[in-house]
Amino acid sequence: MSATERTRWAERRANPVSRAIGLVTWLVVAILIIGMLLVWGDANRGNDLVNLVLNSGEWLATPFNDVFTPSSHDAAIYQNWTLAAVVYWALGNLLAYLTRR
């Protein structure tokens, strides 16, 4: 990367749109990670907050269902939700970068 390219990238300032995209990206990734931690900790699905996080995580990870199909349901959640979190993080950061001025 040349000095000119680094300067151009540094000149791209964050704006409200790119910041909002970054915030939503981190919110989505956080829901998936917290959901995985709740599954790992065997949290009570009867709890409204736990149920909300896990249902949101299931919905967010829907495009990535059955990418990995291990015999354990928990292992499938860990692998597929991790893939979902990485893809959402990468796409969100790319979109945030592209919307900078």
N, C-alpha and C. Protein backbone atom coordinates (compact mmCIF):
# COMPACT_ATOMS: atom_id res chain seq x y z
N MET A 1 0.85 -1.17 0.00
CA MET A 1 0.00 0.00 0.00
C MET A 1 0.90 1.23 0.00
N SER A 2 0.72 2.07 -0.98
CA SER A 2 1.56 3.25 -1.08
C SER A 2 1.10 4.33 -0.10
N ALA A 3 1.93 5.35 0.06
CA ALA A 3 1.59 6.44 0.97
C ALA A 3 0.35 7.18 0.49
N THR A 4 0.19 7.30 -0.82
CA THR A 4 -0.99 7.99 -1.36
C THR A 4 -2.26 7.22 -1.04
N GLU A 5 -2.21 5.89 -1.18
CA GLU A 5 -3.38 5.07 -0.87
C GLU A 5 -3.73 5.16 0.61
N ARG A 6 -2.71 5.15 1.48
CA ARG A 6 -2.98 5.27 2.91
C ARG A 6 -3.59 6.62 3.23
N THR A 7 -3.14 7.67 2.57
CA THR A 7 -3.68 9.00 2.80
C THR A 7 -5.13 9.06 2.36
N ARG A 8 -5.44 8.49 1.19
CA ARG A 8 -6.82 8.49 0.71
C ARG A 8 -7.73 7.76 1.69
N TRP A 9 -7.27 6.63 2.20
CA TRP A 9 -8.09 5.88 3.13
C TRP A 9 -8.29 6.67 4.42
N ALA A 10 -7.24 7.31 4.90
CA ALA A 10 -7.33 8.08 6.13
C ALA A 10 -8.23 9.30 5.97
N GLU A 11 -8.32 9.84 4.75
CA GLU A 11 -9.16 11.00 4.51
C GLU A 11 -10.64 10.65 4.51
N ARG A 12 -10.96 9.39 4.34
CA ARG A 12 -12.36 8.98 4.34
C ARG A 12 -12.87 9.05 5.77
N ARG A 13 -13.64 10.05 6.06
CA ARG A 13 -14.14 10.27 7.41
C ARG A 13 -15.46 9.53 7.61
N ALA A 14 -15.66 9.08 8.83
CA ALA A 14 -16.93 8.44 9.18
C ALA A 14 -18.03 9.50 9.17
N ASN A 15 -19.19 9.10 8.71
CA ASN A 15 -20.36 9.98 8.73
C ASN A 15 -21.47 9.25 9.47
N PRO A 16 -22.62 9.88 9.68
CA PRO A 16 -23.68 9.22 10.44
C PRO A 16 -24.15 7.90 9.82
N VAL A 17 -24.14 7.80 8.51
CA VAL A 17 -24.59 6.57 7.87
C VAL A 17 -23.59 5.45 8.12
N SER A 18 -22.31 5.72 7.93
CA SER A 18 -21.31 4.67 8.15
C SER A 18 -21.25 4.29 9.62
N ARG A 19 -21.45 5.23 10.51
CA ARG A 19 -21.47 4.92 11.95
C ARG A 19 -22.68 4.07 12.30
N ALA A 20 -23.84 4.37 11.71
CA ALA A 20 -25.04 3.57 11.96
C ALA A 20 -24.86 2.14 11.46
N ILE A 21 -24.26 2.01 10.28
CA ILE A 21 -24.00 0.67 9.74
C ILE A 21 -23.05 -0.09 10.66
N GLY A 22 -22.02 0.58 11.15
CA GLY A 22 -21.09 -0.06 12.08
C GLY A 22 -21.77 -0.47 13.38
N LEU A 23 -22.65 0.38 13.89
CA LEU A 23 -23.37 0.07 15.13
C LEU A 23 -24.28 -1.14 14.94
N VAL A 24 -25.02 -1.16 13.85
CA VAL A 24 -25.92 -2.30 13.57
C VAL A 24 -25.10 -3.57 13.38
N THR A 25 -23.95 -3.45 12.72
CA THR A 25 -23.09 -4.61 12.53
C THR A 25 -22.66 -5.19 13.86
N TRP A 26 -22.19 -4.35 14.75
CA TRP A 26 -21.74 -4.84 16.06
C TRP A 26 -22.90 -5.37 16.89
N LEU A 27 -24.09 -4.80 16.74
CA LEU A 27 -25.27 -5.29 17.46
C LEU A 27 -25.61 -6.71 16.99
N VAL A 28 -25.59 -6.92 15.68
CA VAL A 28 -25.88 -8.25 15.13
C VAL A 28 -24.84 -9.27 15.60
N VAL A 29 -23.58 -8.90 15.53
CA VAL A 29 -22.51 -9.81 15.96
C VAL A 29 -22.64 -10.10 17.46
N ALA A 30 -22.97 -9.08 18.24
CA ALA A 30 -23.13 -9.27 19.69
C ALA A 30 -24.29 -10.22 20.00
N ILE A 31 -25.40 -10.09 19.29
CA ILE A 31 -26.54 -10.99 19.51
C ILE A 31 -26.12 -12.44 19.23
N LEU A 32 -25.40 -12.65 18.14
CA LEU A 32 -24.97 -14.01 17.81
C LEU A 32 -24.00 -14.57 18.85
N ILE A 33 -23.05 -13.75 19.29
CA ILE A 33 -22.07 -14.22 20.28
C ILE A 33 -22.74 -14.47 21.63
N ILE A 34 -23.61 -13.56 22.06
CA ILE A 34 -24.31 -13.76 23.33
C ILE A 34 -25.20 -15.00 23.25
N GLY A 35 -25.84 -15.20 22.10
CA GLY A 35 -26.66 -16.40 21.92
C GLY A 35 -25.84 -17.67 22.04
N MET A 36 -24.65 -17.68 21.44
CA MET A 36 -23.78 -18.85 21.56
C MET A 36 -23.36 -19.08 23.01
N LEU A 37 -23.08 -18.00 23.73
CA LEU A 37 -22.72 -18.14 25.15
C LEU A 37 -23.89 -18.66 25.97
N LEU A 38 -25.10 -18.25 25.64
CA LEU A 38 -26.28 -18.76 26.35
C LEU A 38 -26.49 -20.25 26.08
N VAL A 39 -26.26 -20.68 24.84
CA VAL A 39 -26.37 -22.11 24.52
C VAL A 39 -25.28 -22.87 25.26
N TRP A 40 -24.06 -22.34 25.25
CA TRP A 40 -22.94 -22.99 25.93
C TRP A 40 -23.21 -23.11 27.44
N GLY A 41 -23.81 -22.07 28.02
CA GLY A 41 -24.10 -22.08 29.45
C GLY A 41 -25.39 -22.79 29.80
N ASP A 42 -26.08 -23.34 28.80
CA ASP A 42 -27.34 -24.06 29.00
C ASP A 42 -28.36 -23.17 29.71
N ALA A 43 -28.55 -21.96 29.18
CA ALA A 43 -29.45 -20.99 29.78
C ALA A 43 -30.90 -21.45 29.68
N ASN A 44 -31.72 -20.97 30.57
CA ASN A 44 -33.13 -21.32 30.64
C ASN A 44 -33.91 -20.60 29.55
N ARG A 45 -34.43 -21.35 28.57
CA ARG A 45 -35.20 -20.75 27.48
C ARG A 45 -36.53 -20.22 27.95
N GLY A 46 -36.94 -20.57 29.14
CA GLY A 46 -38.19 -20.05 29.69
C GLY A 46 -38.07 -18.59 30.07
N ASN A 47 -36.86 -18.10 30.24
CA ASN A 47 -36.62 -16.70 30.55
C ASN A 47 -36.86 -15.87 29.30
N ASP A 48 -37.61 -14.79 29.44
CA ASP A 48 -37.97 -13.97 28.27
C ASP A 48 -36.76 -13.37 27.57
N LEU A 49 -35.79 -12.89 28.32
CA LEU A 49 -34.60 -12.28 27.73
C LEU A 49 -33.77 -13.32 26.98
N VAL A 50 -33.58 -14.47 27.59
CA VAL A 50 -32.83 -15.55 26.94
C VAL A 50 -33.54 -15.98 25.66
N ASN A 51 -34.86 -16.14 25.75
CA ASN A 51 -35.65 -16.55 24.59
C ASN A 51 -35.56 -15.51 23.48
N LEU A 52 -35.60 -14.22 23.83
CA LEU A 52 -35.50 -13.15 22.83
C LEU A 52 -34.15 -13.20 22.11
N VAL A 53 -33.07 -13.34 22.87
CA VAL A 53 -31.73 -13.38 22.26
C VAL A 53 -31.58 -14.60 21.36
N LEU A 54 -32.02 -15.76 21.84
CA LEU A 54 -31.87 -16.98 21.05
C LEU A 54 -32.76 -16.96 19.80
N ASN A 55 -33.97 -16.45 19.92
CA ASN A 55 -34.83 -16.34 18.73
C ASN A 55 -34.25 -15.36 17.72
N SER A 56 -33.70 -14.26 18.21
CA SER A 56 -33.08 -13.27 17.31
C SER A 56 -31.86 -13.89 16.63
N GLY A 57 -31.06 -14.62 17.39
CA GLY A 57 -29.88 -15.29 16.82
C GLY A 57 -30.27 -16.32 15.78
N GLU A 58 -31.32 -17.10 16.06
CA GLU A 58 -31.79 -18.09 15.08
C GLU A 58 -32.22 -17.41 13.79
N TRP A 59 -32.93 -16.29 13.93
CA TRP A 59 -33.39 -15.58 12.74
C TRP A 59 -32.21 -15.01 11.95
N LEU A 60 -31.25 -14.42 12.65
CA LEU A 60 -30.08 -13.84 11.98
C LEU A 60 -29.23 -14.91 11.29
N ALA A 61 -29.17 -16.09 11.87
CA ALA A 61 -28.32 -17.15 11.33
C ALA A 61 -29.07 -18.04 10.32
N THR A 62 -30.32 -17.72 10.02
CA THR A 62 -31.10 -18.55 9.10
C THR A 62 -30.41 -18.81 7.77
N PRO A 63 -29.79 -17.81 7.11
CA PRO A 63 -29.13 -18.12 5.83
C PRO A 63 -27.96 -19.09 5.96
N PHE A 64 -27.47 -19.29 7.17
CA PHE A 64 -26.30 -20.14 7.39
C PHE A 64 -26.66 -21.48 8.02
N ASN A 65 -27.96 -21.77 8.14
CA ASN A 65 -28.39 -23.07 8.69
C ASN A 65 -27.89 -24.18 7.80
N ASP A 66 -27.45 -25.22 8.42
CA ASP A 66 -27.01 -26.45 7.74
C ASP A 66 -25.78 -26.26 6.86
N VAL A 67 -25.02 -25.20 7.04
CA VAL A 67 -23.73 -25.11 6.35
C VAL A 67 -22.82 -26.19 6.93
N PHE A 68 -22.82 -26.27 8.25
CA PHE A 68 -22.12 -27.34 8.96
C PHE A 68 -23.18 -28.19 9.63
N THR A 69 -23.05 -29.51 9.54
CA THR A 69 -24.06 -30.39 10.12
C THR A 69 -23.42 -31.45 11.04
N PRO A 70 -22.84 -31.01 12.15
CA PRO A 70 -22.30 -32.00 13.09
C PRO A 70 -23.46 -32.73 13.79
N SER A 71 -23.14 -33.81 14.45
CA SER A 71 -24.19 -34.60 15.10
C SER A 71 -24.81 -33.88 16.29
N SER A 72 -24.06 -33.04 16.95
CA SER A 72 -24.56 -32.30 18.12
C SER A 72 -25.25 -31.01 17.68
N HIS A 73 -26.44 -30.77 18.24
CA HIS A 73 -27.18 -29.54 17.93
C HIS A 73 -26.39 -28.31 18.39
N ASP A 74 -25.79 -28.39 19.57
CA ASP A 74 -25.01 -27.26 20.08
C ASP A 74 -23.81 -26.97 19.18
N ALA A 75 -23.13 -28.00 18.72
CA ALA A 75 -21.98 -27.79 17.83
C ALA A 75 -22.41 -27.14 16.52
N ALA A 76 -23.58 -27.51 16.03
CA ALA A 76 -24.10 -26.89 14.80
C ALA A 76 -24.36 -25.41 15.02
N ILE A 77 -24.91 -25.07 16.19
CA ILE A 77 -25.15 -23.66 16.50
C ILE A 77 -23.82 -22.91 16.58
N TYR A 78 -22.85 -23.47 17.27
CA TYR A 78 -21.55 -22.78 17.40
C TYR A 78 -20.92 -22.53 16.03
N GLN A 79 -20.91 -23.53 15.19
CA GLN A 79 -20.24 -23.41 13.89
C GLN A 79 -21.01 -22.49 12.94
N ASN A 80 -22.31 -22.71 12.82
CA ASN A 80 -23.10 -21.91 11.87
C ASN A 80 -23.24 -20.45 12.33
N TRP A 81 -23.44 -20.25 13.63
CA TRP A 81 -23.57 -18.89 14.13
C TRP A 81 -22.24 -18.14 14.08
N THR A 82 -21.12 -18.84 14.28
CA THR A 82 -19.81 -18.20 14.15
C THR A 82 -19.59 -17.76 12.71
N LEU A 83 -19.94 -18.62 11.77
CA LEU A 83 -19.84 -18.25 10.35
C LEU A 83 -20.72 -17.04 10.06
N ALA A 84 -21.94 -17.04 10.57
CA ALA A 84 -22.85 -15.91 10.36
C ALA A 84 -22.26 -14.62 10.93
N ALA A 85 -21.71 -14.69 12.15
CA ALA A 85 -21.13 -13.50 12.78
C ALA A 85 -19.96 -12.96 11.96
N VAL A 86 -19.11 -13.84 11.46
CA VAL A 86 -17.95 -13.41 10.67
C VAL A 86 -18.41 -12.77 9.36
N VAL A 87 -19.38 -13.37 8.70
CA VAL A 87 -19.87 -12.82 7.42
C VAL A 87 -20.54 -11.48 7.66
N TYR A 88 -21.41 -11.38 8.68
CA TYR A 88 -22.06 -10.10 8.97
C TYR A 88 -21.04 -9.03 9.33
N TRP A 89 -20.02 -9.40 10.11
CA TRP A 89 -18.99 -8.44 10.49
C TRP A 89 -18.24 -7.93 9.25
N ALA A 90 -17.86 -8.85 8.38
CA ALA A 90 -17.10 -8.46 7.18
C ALA A 90 -17.95 -7.59 6.26
N LEU A 91 -19.19 -8.00 6.00
CA LEU A 91 -20.05 -7.20 5.12
C LEU A 91 -20.40 -5.86 5.73
N GLY A 92 -20.66 -5.84 7.03
CA GLY A 92 -20.98 -4.58 7.69
C GLY A 92 -19.82 -3.60 7.65
N ASN A 93 -18.61 -4.10 7.89
CA ASN A 93 -17.44 -3.21 7.82
C ASN A 93 -17.17 -2.74 6.41
N LEU A 94 -17.40 -3.60 5.43
CA LEU A 94 -17.24 -3.19 4.04
C LEU A 94 -18.25 -2.10 3.67
N LEU A 95 -19.50 -2.30 4.05
CA LEU A 95 -20.52 -1.29 3.75
C LEU A 95 -20.24 0.02 4.48
N ALA A 96 -19.80 -0.07 5.73
CA ALA A 96 -19.46 1.15 6.47
C ALA A 96 -18.31 1.88 5.80
N TYR A 97 -17.33 1.14 5.32
CA TYR A 97 -16.20 1.76 4.63
C TYR A 97 -16.64 2.41 3.33
N LEU A 98 -17.49 1.72 2.59
CA LEU A 98 -17.93 2.26 1.29
C LEU A 98 -18.84 3.49 1.43
N THR A 99 -19.50 3.63 2.56
CA THR A 99 -20.37 4.79 2.74
C THR A 99 -19.65 6.00 3.33
N ARG A 100 -18.38 5.83 3.66
CA ARG A 100 -17.61 6.99 4.13
C ARG A 100 -17.34 7.92 2.96
N ARG A 101 -17.17 9.17 3.27
CA ARG A 101 -16.90 10.15 2.22
C ARG A 101 -15.46 10.14 1.81
